[in-house]
Amino acid sequence: PGHHAEPDEHMGFCFFNNVSVAIKVMQTRTPLKRVLILDWCV
């Protein structure tokens, strides 16, 4: 899932924080800049 990854370190099986990476890519490739990320852990 990626949500446990830290900026400089993986945690468990999470090597990339998928949502953070995707948002950064989206911000550079589209006009959208503001995003709300809601992450919860069941």
Full PDB file with SEQRES, HELIX, SHEET, SSBOND, CRYST1, ORIGX, SCALE, CONECT and MASTER records, all heavy atoms in Angstrom:
SEQRES   1 A   42  PRO GLY HIS HIS ALA GLU PRO ASP GLU HIS MET GLY PHE          
SEQRES   2 A   42  CYS PHE PHE ASN ASN VAL SER VAL ALA ILE LYS VAL MET          
SEQRES   3 A   42  GLN THR ARG THR PRO LEU LYS ARG VAL LEU ILE LEU ASP          
SEQRES   4 A   42  TRP CYS VAL                                                  
HELIX    1 AA1 ASN A   18  ARG A   29  1                                  12    
CRYST1    1.000    1.000    1.000  90.00  90.00  90.00 P 1           1          
ORIGX1      1.000000  0.000000  0.000000        0.00000                         
ORIGX2      0.000000  1.000000  0.000000        0.00000                         
ORIGX3      0.000000  0.000000  1.000000        0.00000                         
SCALE1      1.000000  0.000000  0.000000        0.00000                         
SCALE2      0.000000  1.000000  0.000000        0.00000                         
SCALE3      0.000000  0.000000  1.000000        0.00000                         
ATOM      1  N   PRO A   1       0.804  -1.215   0.000  1.00  0.00           N  
ATOM      2  CA  PRO A   1       0.000   0.000   0.000  1.00  0.00           C  
ATOM      3  C   PRO A   1       0.841   1.271   0.000  1.00  0.00           C  
ATOM      4  O   PRO A   1       0.429   2.280  -0.551  1.00  0.00           O  
ATOM      5  CB  PRO A   1      -0.830  -0.109   1.272  1.00  0.00           C  
ATOM      6  CG  PRO A   1      -0.010  -0.967   2.178  1.00  0.00           C  
ATOM      7  CD  PRO A   1       0.691  -1.938   1.272  1.00  0.00           C  
ATOM      8  N   GLY A   2       1.979   1.245   0.629  1.00  0.00           N  
ATOM      9  CA  GLY A   2       2.880   2.384   0.594  1.00  0.00           C  
ATOM     10  C   GLY A   2       2.720   3.408   1.687  1.00  0.00           C  
ATOM     11  O   GLY A   2       3.589   4.228   1.897  1.00  0.00           O  
ATOM     12  N   HIS A   3       1.609   3.378   2.411  1.00  0.00           N  
ATOM     13  CA  HIS A   3       1.361   4.481   3.337  1.00  0.00           C  
ATOM     14  C   HIS A   3       2.231   4.488   4.588  1.00  0.00           C  
ATOM     15  O   HIS A   3       2.220   5.465   5.323  1.00  0.00           O  
ATOM     16  CB  HIS A   3      -0.120   4.557   3.702  1.00  0.00           C  
ATOM     17  CG  HIS A   3      -0.614   3.422   4.546  1.00  0.00           C  
ATOM     18  ND1 HIS A   3      -1.532   3.587   5.533  1.00  0.00           N  
ATOM     19  CD2 HIS A   3      -0.322   2.100   4.513  1.00  0.00           C  
ATOM     20  CE1 HIS A   3      -1.787   2.417   6.097  1.00  0.00           C  
ATOM     21  NE2 HIS A   3      -1.074   1.501   5.479  1.00  0.00           N  
ATOM     22  N   HIS A   4       3.003   3.476   4.823  1.00  0.00           N  
ATOM     23  CA  HIS A   4       3.899   3.478   5.980  1.00  0.00           C  
ATOM     24  C   HIS A   4       5.278   4.040   5.659  1.00  0.00           C  
ATOM     25  O   HIS A   4       6.068   4.294   6.552  1.00  0.00           O  
ATOM     26  CB  HIS A   4       4.074   2.054   6.532  1.00  0.00           C  
ATOM     27  CG  HIS A   4       2.830   1.524   7.172  1.00  0.00           C  
ATOM     28  ND1 HIS A   4       2.296   0.316   6.812  1.00  0.00           N  
ATOM     29  CD2 HIS A   4       2.014   2.028   8.120  1.00  0.00           C  
ATOM     30  CE1 HIS A   4       1.194   0.093   7.524  1.00  0.00           C  
ATOM     31  NE2 HIS A   4       1.000   1.119   8.312  1.00  0.00           N  
ATOM     32  N   ALA A   5       5.597   4.218   4.398  1.00  0.00           N  
ATOM     33  CA  ALA A   5       6.920   4.683   3.999  1.00  0.00           C  
ATOM     34  C   ALA A   5       7.167   6.116   4.471  1.00  0.00           C  
ATOM     35  O   ALA A   5       6.292   6.962   4.400  1.00  0.00           O  
ATOM     36  CB  ALA A   5       7.075   4.598   2.487  1.00  0.00           C  
ATOM     37  N   GLU A   6       8.364   6.342   4.948  1.00  0.00           N  
ATOM     38  CA  GLU A   6       8.799   7.674   5.365  1.00  0.00           C  
ATOM     39  C   GLU A   6       9.569   8.317   4.212  1.00  0.00           C  
ATOM     40  O   GLU A   6       9.996   7.630   3.290  1.00  0.00           O  
ATOM     41  CB  GLU A   6       9.698   7.555   6.599  1.00  0.00           C  
ATOM     42  CG  GLU A   6       9.011   6.961   7.820  1.00  0.00           C  
ATOM     43  CD  GLU A   6       7.982   7.900   8.420  1.00  0.00           C  
ATOM     44  OE1 GLU A   6       8.176   9.136   8.346  1.00  0.00           O  
ATOM     45  OE2 GLU A   6       6.968   7.409   8.950  1.00  0.00           O  
ATOM     46  N   PRO A   7       9.795   9.638   4.252  1.00  0.00           N  
ATOM     47  CA  PRO A   7      10.522  10.281   3.141  1.00  0.00           C  
ATOM     48  C   PRO A   7      11.898   9.680   2.872  1.00  0.00           C  
ATOM     49  O   PRO A   7      12.334   9.613   1.720  1.00  0.00           O  
ATOM     50  CB  PRO A   7      10.639  11.734   3.588  1.00  0.00           C  
ATOM     51  CG  PRO A   7       9.500  11.939   4.531  1.00  0.00           C  
ATOM     52  CD  PRO A   7       9.317  10.609   5.226  1.00  0.00           C  
ATOM     53  N   ASP A   8      12.592   9.254   3.909  1.00  0.00           N  
ATOM     54  CA  ASP A   8      13.951   8.752   3.723  1.00  0.00           C  
ATOM     55  C   ASP A   8      14.130   7.284   4.090  1.00  0.00           C  
ATOM     56  O   ASP A   8      15.256   6.799   4.123  1.00  0.00           O  
ATOM     57  CB  ASP A   8      14.941   9.582   4.552  1.00  0.00           C  
ATOM     58  CG  ASP A   8      14.979  11.029   4.100  1.00  0.00           C  
ATOM     59  OD1 ASP A   8      14.830  11.265   2.887  1.00  0.00           O  
ATOM     60  OD2 ASP A   8      15.157  11.915   4.947  1.00  0.00           O  
ATOM     61  N   GLU A   9      13.045   6.585   4.402  1.00  0.00           N  
ATOM     62  CA  GLU A   9      13.183   5.206   4.849  1.00  0.00           C  
ATOM     63  C   GLU A   9      11.912   4.415   4.602  1.00  0.00           C  
ATOM     64  O   GLU A   9      10.813   4.916   4.794  1.00  0.00           O  
ATOM     65  CB  GLU A   9      13.511   5.192   6.344  1.00  0.00           C  
ATOM     66  CG  GLU A   9      13.870   3.834   6.878  1.00  0.00           C  
ATOM     67  CD  GLU A   9      14.366   3.900   8.314  1.00  0.00           C  
ATOM     68  OE1 GLU A   9      14.859   4.953   8.728  1.00  0.00           O  
ATOM     69  OE2 GLU A   9      14.237   2.889   8.999  1.00  0.00           O  
ATOM     70  N   HIS A  10      12.089   3.166   4.167  1.00  0.00           N  
ATOM     71  CA  HIS A  10      10.922   2.301   4.000  1.00  0.00           C  
ATOM     72  C   HIS A  10      10.517   1.748   5.373  1.00  0.00           C  
ATOM     73  O   HIS A  10      11.296   1.764   6.316  1.00  0.00           O  
ATOM     74  CB  HIS A  10      11.231   1.171   3.025  1.00  0.00           C  
ATOM     75  CG  HIS A  10      12.085   0.092   3.604  1.00  0.00           C  
ATOM     76  ND1 HIS A  10      13.429   0.254   3.812  1.00  0.00           N  
ATOM     77  CD2 HIS A  10      11.776  -1.153   4.030  1.00  0.00           C  
ATOM     78  CE1 HIS A  10      13.922  -0.847   4.341  1.00  0.00           C  
ATOM     79  NE2 HIS A  10      12.946  -1.726   4.474  1.00  0.00           N  
ATOM     80  N   MET A  11       9.280   1.290   5.454  1.00  0.00           N  
ATOM     81  CA  MET A  11       8.793   0.654   6.682  1.00  0.00           C  
ATOM     82  C   MET A  11       7.993  -0.566   6.271  1.00  0.00           C  
ATOM     83  O   MET A  11       7.075  -0.460   5.463  1.00  0.00           O  
ATOM     84  CB  MET A  11       7.936   1.618   7.508  1.00  0.00           C  
ATOM     85  CG  MET A  11       8.719   2.790   8.068  1.00  0.00           C  
ATOM     86  SD  MET A  11       7.717   3.866   9.094  1.00  0.00           S  
ATOM     87  CE  MET A  11       7.617   2.889  10.583  1.00  0.00           C  
ATOM     88  N   GLY A  12       8.342  -1.691   6.832  1.00  0.00           N  
ATOM     89  CA  GLY A  12       7.657  -2.925   6.464  1.00  0.00           C  
ATOM     90  C   GLY A  12       7.857  -3.211   4.995  1.00  0.00           C  
ATOM     91  O   GLY A  12       8.979  -3.196   4.497  1.00  0.00           O  
ATOM     92  N   PHE A  13       6.753  -3.428   4.278  1.00  0.00           N  
ATOM     93  CA  PHE A  13       6.830  -3.680   2.848  1.00  0.00           C  
ATOM     94  C   PHE A  13       6.646  -2.405   2.027  1.00  0.00           C  
ATOM     95  O   PHE A  13       6.604  -2.459   0.809  1.00  0.00           O  
ATOM     96  CB  PHE A  13       5.772  -4.704   2.431  1.00  0.00           C  
ATOM     97  CG  PHE A  13       6.025  -6.064   3.012  1.00  0.00           C  
ATOM     98  CD1 PHE A  13       5.223  -6.562   4.031  1.00  0.00           C  
ATOM     99  CD2 PHE A  13       7.077  -6.835   2.539  1.00  0.00           C  
ATOM    100  CE1 PHE A  13       5.464  -7.814   4.565  1.00  0.00           C  
ATOM    101  CE2 PHE A  13       7.326  -8.093   3.076  1.00  0.00           C  
ATOM    102  CZ  PHE A  13       6.514  -8.578   4.088  1.00  0.00           C  
ATOM    103  N   CYS A  14       6.493  -1.271   2.683  1.00  0.00           N  
ATOM    104  CA  CYS A  14       6.232  -0.010   1.993  1.00  0.00           C  
ATOM    105  C   CYS A  14       7.549   0.694   1.663  1.00  0.00           C  
ATOM    106  O   CYS A  14       8.222   1.209   2.551  1.00  0.00           O  
ATOM    107  CB  CYS A  14       5.354   0.893   2.854  1.00  0.00           C  
ATOM    108  SG  CYS A  14       3.756   0.159   3.273  1.00  0.00           S  
ATOM    109  N   PHE A  15       7.907   0.701   0.381  1.00  0.00           N  
ATOM    110  CA  PHE A  15       9.145   1.349  -0.051  1.00  0.00           C  
ATOM    111  C   PHE A  15       8.905   2.778  -0.508  1.00  0.00           C  
ATOM    112  O   PHE A  15       9.767   3.630  -0.392  1.00  0.00           O  
ATOM    113  CB  PHE A  15       9.799   0.550  -1.171  1.00  0.00           C  
ATOM    114  CG  PHE A  15      10.346  -0.755  -0.692  1.00  0.00           C  
ATOM    115  CD1 PHE A  15       9.572  -1.905  -0.733  1.00  0.00           C  
ATOM    116  CD2 PHE A  15      11.609  -0.821  -0.162  1.00  0.00           C  
ATOM    117  CE1 PHE A  15      10.076  -3.115  -0.270  1.00  0.00           C  
ATOM    118  CE2 PHE A  15      12.123  -2.028   0.307  1.00  0.00           C  
ATOM    119  CZ  PHE A  15      11.344  -3.176   0.258  1.00  0.00           C  
ATOM    120  N   PHE A  16       7.746   3.042  -1.090  1.00  0.00           N  
ATOM    121  CA  PHE A  16       7.370   4.374  -1.553  1.00  0.00           C  
ATOM    122  C   PHE A  16       6.039   4.747  -0.923  1.00  0.00           C  
ATOM    123  O   PHE A  16       5.157   3.908  -0.810  1.00  0.00           O  
ATOM    124  CB  PHE A  16       7.203   4.419  -3.072  1.00  0.00           C  
ATOM    125  CG  PHE A  16       8.370   3.851  -3.825  1.00  0.00           C  
ATOM    126  CD1 PHE A  16       8.254   2.655  -4.513  1.00  0.00           C  
ATOM    127  CD2 PHE A  16       9.577   4.513  -3.847  1.00  0.00           C  
ATOM    128  CE1 PHE A  16       9.324   2.127  -5.215  1.00  0.00           C  
ATOM    129  CE2 PHE A  16      10.662   3.993  -4.540  1.00  0.00           C  
ATOM    130  CZ  PHE A  16      10.534   2.798  -5.226  1.00  0.00           C  
ATOM    131  N   ASN A  17       5.876   6.003  -0.552  1.00  0.00           N  
ATOM    132  CA  ASN A  17       4.572   6.474  -0.098  1.00  0.00           C  
ATOM    133  C   ASN A  17       3.783   6.797  -1.366  1.00  0.00           C  
ATOM    134  O   ASN A  17       3.880   7.891  -1.920  1.00  0.00           O  
ATOM    135  CB  ASN A  17       4.720   7.689   0.817  1.00  0.00           C  
ATOM    136  CG  ASN A  17       3.409   8.056   1.464  1.00  0.00           C  
ATOM    137  OD1 ASN A  17       2.381   8.072   0.805  1.00  0.00           O  
ATOM    138  ND2 ASN A  17       3.444   8.339   2.744  1.00  0.00           N  
ATOM    139  N   ASN A  18       3.036   5.815  -1.849  1.00  0.00           N  
ATOM    140  CA  ASN A  18       2.375   5.903  -3.145  1.00  0.00           C  
ATOM    141  C   ASN A  18       1.533   7.158  -3.317  1.00  0.00           C  
ATOM    142  O   ASN A  18       1.574   7.789  -4.371  1.00  0.00           O  
ATOM    143  CB  ASN A  18       1.502   4.670  -3.371  1.00  0.00           C  
ATOM    144  CG  ASN A  18       2.299   3.392  -3.412  1.00  0.00           C  
ATOM    145  OD1 ASN A  18       3.500   3.404  -3.635  1.00  0.00           O  
ATOM    146  ND2 ASN A  18       1.636   2.269  -3.183  1.00  0.00           N  
ATOM    147  N   VAL A  19       0.758   7.514  -2.320  1.00  0.00           N  
ATOM    148  CA  VAL A  19      -0.118   8.676  -2.439  1.00  0.00           C  
ATOM    149  C   VAL A  19       0.700   9.953  -2.548  1.00  0.00           C  
ATOM    150  O   VAL A  19       0.423  10.807  -3.398  1.00  0.00           O  
ATOM    151  CB  VAL A  19      -1.109   8.737  -1.254  1.00  0.00           C  
ATOM    152  CG1 VAL A  19      -1.891  10.038  -1.266  1.00  0.00           C  
ATOM    153  CG2 VAL A  19      -2.052   7.549  -1.297  1.00  0.00           C  
ATOM    154  N   SER A  20       1.709  10.104  -1.723  1.00  0.00           N  
ATOM    155  CA  SER A  20       2.546  11.304  -1.792  1.00  0.00           C  
ATOM    156  C   SER A  20       3.243  11.432  -3.139  1.00  0.00           C  
ATOM    157  O   SER A  20       3.301  12.518  -3.716  1.00  0.00           O  
ATOM    158  CB  SER A  20       3.593  11.286  -0.678  1.00  0.00           C  
ATOM    159  OG  SER A  20       2.965  11.333   0.580  1.00  0.00           O  
ATOM    160  N   VAL A  21       3.755  10.332  -3.641  1.00  0.00           N  
ATOM    161  CA  VAL A  21       4.423  10.352  -4.942  1.00  0.00           C  
ATOM    162  C   VAL A  21       3.418  10.705  -6.042  1.00  0.00           C  
ATOM    163  O   VAL A  21       3.682  11.554  -6.903  1.00  0.00           O  
ATOM    164  CB  VAL A  21       5.107   8.997  -5.238  1.00  0.00           C  
ATOM    165  CG1 VAL A  21       5.640   8.949  -6.659  1.00  0.00           C  
ATOM    166  CG2 VAL A  21       6.214   8.722  -4.236  1.00  0.00           C  
ATOM    167  N   ALA A  22       2.254  10.086  -6.008  1.00  0.00           N  
ATOM    168  CA  ALA A  22       1.230  10.346  -7.030  1.00  0.00           C  
ATOM    169  C   ALA A  22       0.773  11.801  -7.005  1.00  0.00           C  
ATOM    170  O   ALA A  22       0.592  12.415  -8.061  1.00  0.00           O  
ATOM    171  CB  ALA A  22       0.040   9.408  -6.830  1.00  0.00           C  
ATOM    172  N   ILE A  23       0.609  12.360  -5.825  1.00  0.00           N  
ATOM    173  CA  ILE A  23       0.183  13.759  -5.726  1.00  0.00           C  
ATOM    174  C   ILE A  23       1.260  14.685  -6.277  1.00  0.00           C  
ATOM    175  O   ILE A  23       0.967  15.648  -6.990  1.00  0.00           O  
ATOM    176  CB  ILE A  23      -0.167  14.124  -4.268  1.00  0.00           C  
ATOM    177  CG1 ILE A  23      -1.383  13.325  -3.800  1.00  0.00           C  
ATOM    178  CG2 ILE A  23      -0.404  15.626  -4.129  1.00  0.00           C  
ATOM    179  CD1 ILE A  23      -2.625  13.450  -4.639  1.00  0.00           C  
ATOM    180  N   LYS A  24       2.502  14.418  -5.961  1.00  0.00           N  
ATOM    181  CA  LYS A  24       3.597  15.247  -6.479  1.00  0.00           C  
ATOM    182  C   LYS A  24       3.638  15.194  -8.006  1.00  0.00           C  
ATOM    183  O   LYS A  24       3.798  16.221  -8.671  1.00  0.00           O  
ATOM    184  CB  LYS A  24       4.925  14.782  -5.879  1.00  0.00           C  
ATOM    185  CG  LYS A  24       6.037  15.734  -6.126  1.00  0.00           C  
ATOM    186  CD  LYS A  24       5.753  17.034  -5.420  1.00  0.00           C  
ATOM    187  CE  LYS A  24       7.019  17.859  -5.278  1.00  0.00           C  
ATOM    188  NZ  LYS A  24       6.735  19.146  -4.668  1.00  0.00           N  
ATOM    189  N   VAL A  25       3.479  14.002  -8.572  1.00  0.00           N  
ATOM    190  CA  VAL A  25       3.444  13.861 -10.034  1.00  0.00           C  
ATOM    191  C   VAL A  25       2.251  14.627 -10.601  1.00  0.00           C  
ATOM    192  O   VAL A  25       2.377  15.371 -11.581  1.00  0.00           O  
ATOM    193  CB  VAL A  25       3.398  12.375 -10.449  1.00  0.00           C  
ATOM    194  CG1 VAL A  25       3.123  12.229 -11.940  1.00  0.00           C  
ATOM    195  CG2 VAL A  25       4.686  11.673 -10.064  1.00  0.00           C  
ATOM    196  N   MET A  26       1.079  14.475  -9.985  1.00  0.00           N  
ATOM    197  CA  MET A  26      -0.125  15.167 -10.445  1.00  0.00           C  
ATOM    198  C   MET A  26       0.065  16.679 -10.418  1.00  0.00           C  
ATOM    199  O   MET A  26      -0.315  17.382 -11.351  1.00  0.00           O  
ATOM    200  CB  MET A  26      -1.319  14.771  -9.578  1.00  0.00           C  
ATOM    201  CG  MET A  26      -2.617  15.419 -10.016  1.00  0.00           C  
ATOM    202  SD  MET A  26      -3.755  15.689  -8.649  1.00  0.00           S  
ATOM    203  CE  MET A  26      -2.896  16.926  -7.710  1.00  0.00           C  
ATOM    204  N   GLN A  27       0.692  17.193  -9.365  1.00  0.00           N  
ATOM    205  CA  GLN A  27       0.906  18.635  -9.249  1.00  0.00           C  
ATOM    206  C   GLN A  27       1.847  19.168 -10.328  1.00  0.00           C  
ATOM    207  O   GLN A  27       1.729  20.318 -10.729  1.00  0.00           O  
ATOM    208  CB  GLN A  27       1.457  18.980  -7.864  1.00  0.00           C  
ATOM    209  CG  GLN A  27       0.431  18.829  -6.764  1.00  0.00           C  
ATOM    210  CD  GLN A  27       1.021  18.984  -5.381  1.00  0.00           C  
ATOM    211  OE1 GLN A  27       2.174  18.657  -5.136  1.00  0.00           O  
ATOM    212  NE2 GLN A  27       0.212  19.502  -4.471  1.00  0.00           N  
ATOM    213  N   THR A  28       2.776  18.345 -10.780  1.00  0.00           N  
ATOM    214  CA  THR A  28       3.700  18.806 -11.818  1.00  0.00           C  
ATOM    215  C   THR A  28       3.134  18.639 -13.223  1.00  0.00           C  
ATOM    216  O   THR A  28       3.557  19.350 -14.129  1.00  0.00           O  
ATOM    217  CB  THR A  28       5.055  18.062 -11.733  1.00  0.00           C  
ATOM    218  OG1 THR A  28       4.846  16.668 -11.928  1.00  0.00           O  
ATOM    219  CG2 THR A  28       5.739  18.298 -10.399  1.00  0.00           C  
ATOM    220  N   ARG A  29       2.159  17.748 -13.394  1.00  0.00           N  
ATOM    221  CA  ARG A  29       1.650  17.466 -14.744  1.00  0.00           C  
ATOM    222  C   ARG A  29       0.267  18.023 -15.036  1.00  0.00           C  
ATOM    223  O   ARG A  29      -0.209  17.913 -16.170  1.00  0.00           O  
ATOM    224  CB  ARG A  29       1.631  15.957 -14.985  1.00  0.00           C  
ATOM    225  CG  ARG A  29       3.012  15.352 -14.981  1.00  0.00           C  
ATOM    226  CD  ARG A  29       2.960  13.907 -15.377  1.00  0.00           C  
ATOM    227  NE  ARG A  29       4.271  13.289 -15.259  1.00  0.00           N  
ATOM    228  CZ  ARG A  29       4.506  12.020 -15.482  1.00  0.00           C  
ATOM    229  NH1 ARG A  29       3.525  11.219 -15.860  1.00  0.00           N  
ATOM    230  NH2 ARG A  29       5.709  11.535 -15.337  1.00  0.00           N  
ATOM    231  N   THR A  30      -0.399  18.584 -14.019  1.00  0.00           N  
ATOM    232  CA  THR A  30      -1.737  19.151 -14.224  1.00  0.00           C  
ATOM    233  C   THR A  30      -1.804  20.508 -13.525  1.00  0.00           C  
ATOM    234  O   THR A  30      -0.935  20.845 -12.714  1.00  0.00           O  
ATOM    235  CB  THR A  30      -2.844  18.236 -13.632  1.00  0.00           C  
ATOM    236  OG1 THR A  30      -2.806  18.294 -12.207  1.00  0.00           O  
ATOM    237  CG2 THR A  30      -2.707  16.796 -14.113  1.00  0.00           C  
ATOM    238  N   PRO A  31      -2.845  21.280 -13.788  1.00  0.00           N  
ATOM    239  CA  PRO A  31      -2.993  22.577 -13.113  1.00  0.00           C  
ATOM    240  C   PRO A  31      -3.391  22.454 -11.632  1.00  0.00           C  
ATOM    241  O   PRO A  31      -3.320  23.437 -10.888  1.00  0.00           O  
ATOM    242  CB  PRO A  31      -4.095  23.288 -13.893  1.00  0.00           C  
ATOM    243  CG  PRO A  31      -4.434  22.441 -15.054  1.00  0.00           C  
ATOM    244  CD  PRO A  31      -3.815  21.099 -14.858  1.00  0.00           C  
ATOM    245  N   LEU A  32      -3.805  21.276 -11.200  1.00  0.00           N  
ATOM    246  CA  LEU A  32      -4.236  21.101  -9.811  1.00  0.00           C  
ATOM    247  C   LEU A  32      -3.048  21.193  -8.860  1.00  0.00           C  
ATOM    248  O   LEU A  32      -2.006  20.592  -9.101  1.00  0.00           O  
ATOM    249  CB  LEU A  32      -4.937  19.764  -9.635  1.00  0.00           C  
ATOM    250  CG  LEU A  32      -6.197  19.562 -10.471  1.00  0.00           C  
ATOM    251  CD1 LEU A  32      -6.728  18.151 -10.293  1.00  0.00           C  
ATOM    252  CD2 LEU A  32      -7.255  20.575 -10.094  1.00  0.00           C  
ATOM    253  N   LYS A  33      -3.225  21.936  -7.767  1.00  0.00           N  
ATOM    254  CA  LYS A  33      -2.130  22.107  -6.818  1.00  0.00           C  
ATOM    255  C   LYS A  33      -2.520  21.739  -5.385  1.00  0.00           C  
ATOM    256  O   LYS A  33      -1.710  21.254  -4.625  1.00  0.00           O  
ATOM    257  CB  LYS A  33      -1.617  23.558  -6.828  1.00  0.00           C  
ATOM    258  CG  LYS A  33      -1.125  24.007  -8.194  1.00  0.00           C  
ATOM    259  CD  LYS A  33       0.002  23.128  -8.705  1.00  0.00           C  
ATOM    260  CE  LYS A  33       0.403  23.520 -10.117  1.00  0.00           C  
ATOM    261  NZ  LYS A  33       0.896  22.436 -10.897  1.00  0.00           N  
ATOM    262  N   ARG A  34      -3.761  21.988  -5.003  1.00  0.00           N  
ATOM    263  CA  ARG A  34      -4.187  21.727  -3.629  1.00  0.00           C  
ATOM    264  C   ARG A  34      -4.908  20.386  -3.535  1.00  0.00           C  
ATOM    265  O   ARG A  34      -5.786  20.089  -4.335  1.00  0.00           O  
ATOM    266  CB  ARG A  34      -5.111  22.844  -3.146  1.00  0.00           C  
ATOM    267  CG  ARG A  34      -4.394  24.176  -3.077  1.00  0.00           C  
ATOM    268  CD  ARG A  34      -5.291  25.261  -2.615  1.00  0.00           C  
ATOM    269  NE  ARG A  34      -5.634  25.006  -1.218  1.00  0.00           N  
ATOM    270  CZ  ARG A  34      -6.477  25.732  -0.528  1.00  0.00           C  
ATOM    271  NH1 ARG A  34      -7.082  26.751  -1.071  1.00  0.00           N  
ATOM    272  NH2 ARG A  34      -6.737  25.438   0.723  1.00  0.00           N  
ATOM    273  N   VAL A  35      -4.518  19.604  -2.520  1.00  0.00           N  
ATOM    274  CA  VAL A  35      -5.063  18.257  -2.364  1.00  0.00           C  
ATOM    275  C   VAL A  35      -5.259  17.970  -0.883  1.00  0.00           C  
ATOM    276  O   VAL A  35      -4.443  18.377  -0.052  1.00  0.00           O  
ATOM    277  CB  VAL A  35      -4.085  17.209  -2.951  1.00  0.00           C  
ATOM    278  CG1 VAL A  35      -4.590  15.803  -2.720  1.00  0.00           C  
ATOM    279  CG2 VAL A  35      -3.842  17.470  -4.424  1.00  0.00           C  
ATOM    280  N   LEU A  36      -6.327  17.282  -0.559  1.00  0.00           N  
ATOM    281  CA  LEU A  36      -6.548  16.784   0.795  1.00  0.00           C  
ATOM    282  C   LEU A  36      -6.284  15.289   0.777  1.00  0.00           C  
ATOM    283  O   LEU A  36      -6.867  14.561  -0.038  1.00  0.00           O  
ATOM    284  CB  LEU A  36      -7.985  17.047   1.249  1.00  0.00           C  
ATOM    285  CG  LEU A  36      -8.414  16.358   2.546  1.00  0.00           C  
ATOM    286  CD1 LEU A  36      -7.647  16.935   3.733  1.00  0.00           C  
ATOM    287  CD2 LEU A  36      -9.906  16.477   2.745  1.00  0.00           C  
ATOM    288  N   ILE A  37      -5.398  14.834   1.647  1.00  0.00           N  
ATOM    289  CA  ILE A  37      -5.113  13.405   1.776  1.00  0.00           C  
ATOM    290  C   ILE A  37      -5.644  12.941   3.122  1.00  0.00           C  
ATOM    291  O   ILE A  37      -5.258  13.473   4.154  1.00  0.00           O  
ATOM    292  CB  ILE A  37      -3.601  13.126   1.683  1.00  0.00           C  
ATOM    293  CG1 ILE A  37      -3.053  13.574   0.331  1.00  0.00           C  
ATOM    294  CG2 ILE A  37      -3.321  11.639   1.926  1.00  0.00           C  
ATOM    295  CD1 ILE A  37      -1.549  13.516   0.232  1.00  0.00           C  
ATOM    296  N   LEU A  38      -6.518  11.972   3.107  1.00  0.00           N  
ATOM    297  CA  LEU A  38      -7.067  11.389   4.327  1.00  0.00           C  
ATOM    298  C   LEU A  38      -6.607   9.941   4.371  1.00  0.00           C  
ATOM    299  O   LEU A  38      -6.943   9.140   3.502  1.00  0.00           O  
ATOM    300  CB  LEU A  38      -8.599  11.469   4.319  1.00  0.00           C  
ATOM    301  CG  LEU A  38      -9.322  10.814   5.473  1.00  0.00           C  
ATOM    302  CD1 LEU A  38      -8.937  11.472   6.793  1.00  0.00           C  
ATOM    303  CD2 LEU A  38     -10.819  10.878   5.266  1.00  0.00           C  
ATOM    304  N   ASP A  39      -5.812   9.608   5.373  1.00  0.00           N  
ATOM    305  CA  ASP A  39      -5.264   8.254   5.499  1.00  0.00           C  
ATOM    306  C   ASP A  39      -5.653   7.714   6.868  1.00  0.00           C  
ATOM    307  O   ASP A  39      -5.437   8.381   7.873  1.00  0.00           O  
ATOM    308  CB  ASP A  39      -3.735   8.300   5.354  1.00  0.00           C  
ATOM    309  CG  ASP A  39      -3.095   6.922   5.447  1.00  0.00           C  
ATOM    310  OD1 ASP A  39      -3.809   5.912   5.312  1.00  0.00           O  
ATOM    311  OD2 ASP A  39      -1.887   6.869   5.658  1.00  0.00           O  
ATOM    312  N   TRP A  40      -6.252   6.557   6.898  1.00  0.00           N  
ATOM    313  CA  TRP A  40      -6.553   5.925   8.172  1.00  0.00           C  
ATOM    314  C   TRP A  40      -6.155   4.467   8.088  1.00  0.00           C  
ATOM    315  O   TRP A  40      -6.065   3.897   7.019  1.00  0.00           O  
ATOM    316  CB  TRP A  40      -8.017   6.097   8.565  1.00  0.00           C  
ATOM    317  CG  TRP A  40      -8.969   5.251   7.800  1.00  0.00           C  
ATOM    318  CD1 TRP A  40      -9.442   4.024   8.150  1.00  0.00           C  
ATOM    319  CD2 TRP A  40      -9.579   5.559   6.537  1.00  0.00           C  
ATOM    320  NE1 TRP A  40     -10.311   3.538   7.192  1.00  0.00           N  
ATOM    321  CE2 TRP A  40     -10.410   4.480   6.184  1.00  0.00           C  
ATOM    322  CE3 TRP A  40      -9.524   6.644   5.667  1.00  0.00           C  
ATOM    323  CZ2 TRP A  40     -11.152   4.453   5.023  1.00  0.00           C  
ATOM    324  CZ3 TRP A  40     -10.261   6.616   4.511  1.00  0.00           C  
ATOM    325  CH2 TRP A  40     -11.061   5.520   4.209  1.00  0.00           C  
ATOM    326  N   CYS A  41      -5.907   3.903   9.226  1.00  0.00           N  
ATOM    327  CA  CYS A  41      -5.433   2.541   9.278  1.00  0.00           C  
ATOM    328  C   CYS A  41      -6.461   1.684  10.017  1.00  0.00           C  
ATOM    329  O   CYS A  41      -6.734   1.923  11.196  1.00  0.00           O  
ATOM    330  CB  CYS A  41      -4.072   2.506   9.987  1.00  0.00           C  
ATOM    331  SG  CYS A  41      -3.007   1.210   9.418  1.00  0.00           S  
ATOM    332  N   VAL A  42      -7.016   0.717   9.346  1.00  0.00           N  
ATOM    333  CA  VAL A  42      -7.943  -0.210   9.966  1.00  0.00           C  
ATOM    334  C   VAL A  42      -7.115  -1.268  10.671  1.00  0.00           C  
ATOM    335  O   VAL A  42      -6.161  -1.794  10.098  1.00  0.00           O  
ATOM    336  CB  VAL A  42      -8.861  -0.858   8.897  1.00  0.00           C  
ATOM    337  CG1 VAL A  42      -9.770  -1.885   9.522  1.00  0.00           C  
ATOM    338  CG2 VAL A  42      -9.643   0.218   8.162  1.00  0.00           C  
TER     339      VAL A  42                                                      
MASTER        0    0    0    1    0    0    0    6  338    1    0    4          
END                                                                             
